[in-house]
Amino acid sequence: MLSTVITLAAETAEHGEPAIHPYAVGGIALALLLVLLLAVISFGGGREHS
């Protein structure tokens, strides 16, 4: 059972082209973090400091 899993993992590791390009993953993560940053800034922008 374990040798079958290792064999399948080795066969899939030989493929050179990733399913999703690494720059696309980084771009999506960056966009999500920027949107969250803008949401935090806009939410706290009108409040007085205590």
C-alpha atoms as a PDB file:
ATOM      1  CA  MET A   1       0.000   0.000   0.000  1.00  0.00           C
ATOM      2  CA  LEU A   2       2.695   2.476   0.987  1.00  0.00           C
ATOM      3  CA  SER A   3       4.880   1.588  -1.983  1.00  0.00           C
ATOM      4  CA  THR A   4       1.948   2.310  -4.314  1.00  0.00           C
ATOM      5  CA  VAL A   5       1.522   5.770  -2.801  1.00  0.00           C
ATOM      6  CA  ILE A   6       5.243   6.475  -3.105  1.00  0.00           C
ATOM      7  CA  THR A   7       5.252   5.296  -6.717  1.00  0.00           C
ATOM      8  CA  LEU A   8       2.296   7.498  -7.610  1.00  0.00           C
ATOM      9  CA  ALA A   9       3.875  10.480  -5.875  1.00  0.00           C
ATOM     10  CA  ALA A  10       7.138   9.936  -7.760  1.00  0.00           C
ATOM     11  CA  GLU A  11       5.310   9.723 -11.087  1.00  0.00           C
ATOM     12  CA  THR A  12       3.412  12.956 -10.500  1.00  0.00           C
ATOM     13  CA  ALA A  13       6.563  14.722  -9.307  1.00  0.00           C
ATOM     14  CA  GLU A  14       8.260  14.138 -12.650  1.00  0.00           C
ATOM     15  CA  HIS A  15       5.932  16.486 -14.513  1.00  0.00           C
ATOM     16  CA  GLY A  16       7.632  19.800 -15.161  1.00  0.00           C
ATOM     17  CA  GLU A  17       4.640  22.084 -15.638  1.00  0.00           C
ATOM     18  CA  PRO A  18       2.729  23.021 -12.450  1.00  0.00           C
ATOM     19  CA  ALA A  19      -1.071  23.092 -12.541  1.00  0.00           C
ATOM     20  CA  ILE A  20      -1.151  26.769 -11.520  1.00  0.00           C
ATOM     21  CA  HIS A  21       1.709  29.110 -12.316  1.00  0.00           C
ATOM     22  CA  PRO A  22       3.549  30.249  -9.147  1.00  0.00           C
ATOM     23  CA  TYR A  23       3.325  33.904 -10.195  1.00  0.00           C
ATOM     24  CA  ALA A  24      -0.456  33.560 -10.465  1.00  0.00           C
ATOM     25  CA  VAL A  25      -0.647  32.198  -6.922  1.00  0.00           C
ATOM     26  CA  GLY A  26       1.542  35.045  -5.667  1.00  0.00           C
ATOM     27  CA  GLY A  27      -0.499  37.631  -7.548  1.00  0.00           C
ATOM     28  CA  ILE A  28      -3.761  36.322  -6.129  1.00  0.00           C
ATOM     29  CA  ALA A  29      -2.315  36.297  -2.607  1.00  0.00           C
ATOM     30  CA  LEU A  30      -0.976  39.843  -3.026  1.00  0.00           C
ATOM     31  CA  ALA A  31      -4.308  41.112  -4.353  1.00  0.00           C
ATOM     32  CA  LEU A  32      -6.185  39.488  -1.479  1.00  0.00           C
ATOM     33  CA  LEU A  33      -3.856  40.992   1.110  1.00  0.00           C
ATOM     34  CA  LEU A  34      -4.109  44.446  -0.481  1.00  0.00           C
ATOM     35  CA  VAL A  35      -7.911  44.263  -0.465  1.00  0.00           C
ATOM     36  CA  LEU A  36      -7.857  43.261   3.194  1.00  0.00           C
ATOM     37  CA  LEU A  37      -5.439  46.094   3.989  1.00  0.00           C
ATOM     38  CA  LEU A  38      -7.668  48.632   2.256  1.00  0.00           C
ATOM     39  CA  ALA A  39     -10.687  47.272   4.151  1.00  0.00           C
ATOM     40  CA  VAL A  40      -8.892  47.707   7.481  1.00  0.00           C
ATOM     41  CA  ILE A  41      -7.772  51.225   6.586  1.00  0.00           C
ATOM     42  CA  SER A  42     -11.238  52.280   5.411  1.00  0.00           C
ATOM     43  CA  PHE A  43     -12.920  50.740   8.460  1.00  0.00           C
ATOM     44  CA  GLY A  44     -10.686  52.519  10.951  1.00  0.00           C
ATOM     45  CA  GLY A  45     -10.265  55.766   9.021  1.00  0.00           C
ATOM     46  CA  GLY A  46     -13.153  57.707  10.574  1.00  0.00           C
ATOM     47  CA  ARG A  47     -12.631  56.813  14.211  1.00  0.00           C
ATOM     48  CA  GLU A  48     -11.017  58.963  16.850  1.00  0.00           C
ATOM     49  CA  HIS A  49      -7.960  57.693  18.657  1.00  0.00           C
ATOM     50  CA  SER A  50      -8.524  56.787  22.288  1.00  0.00           C
END
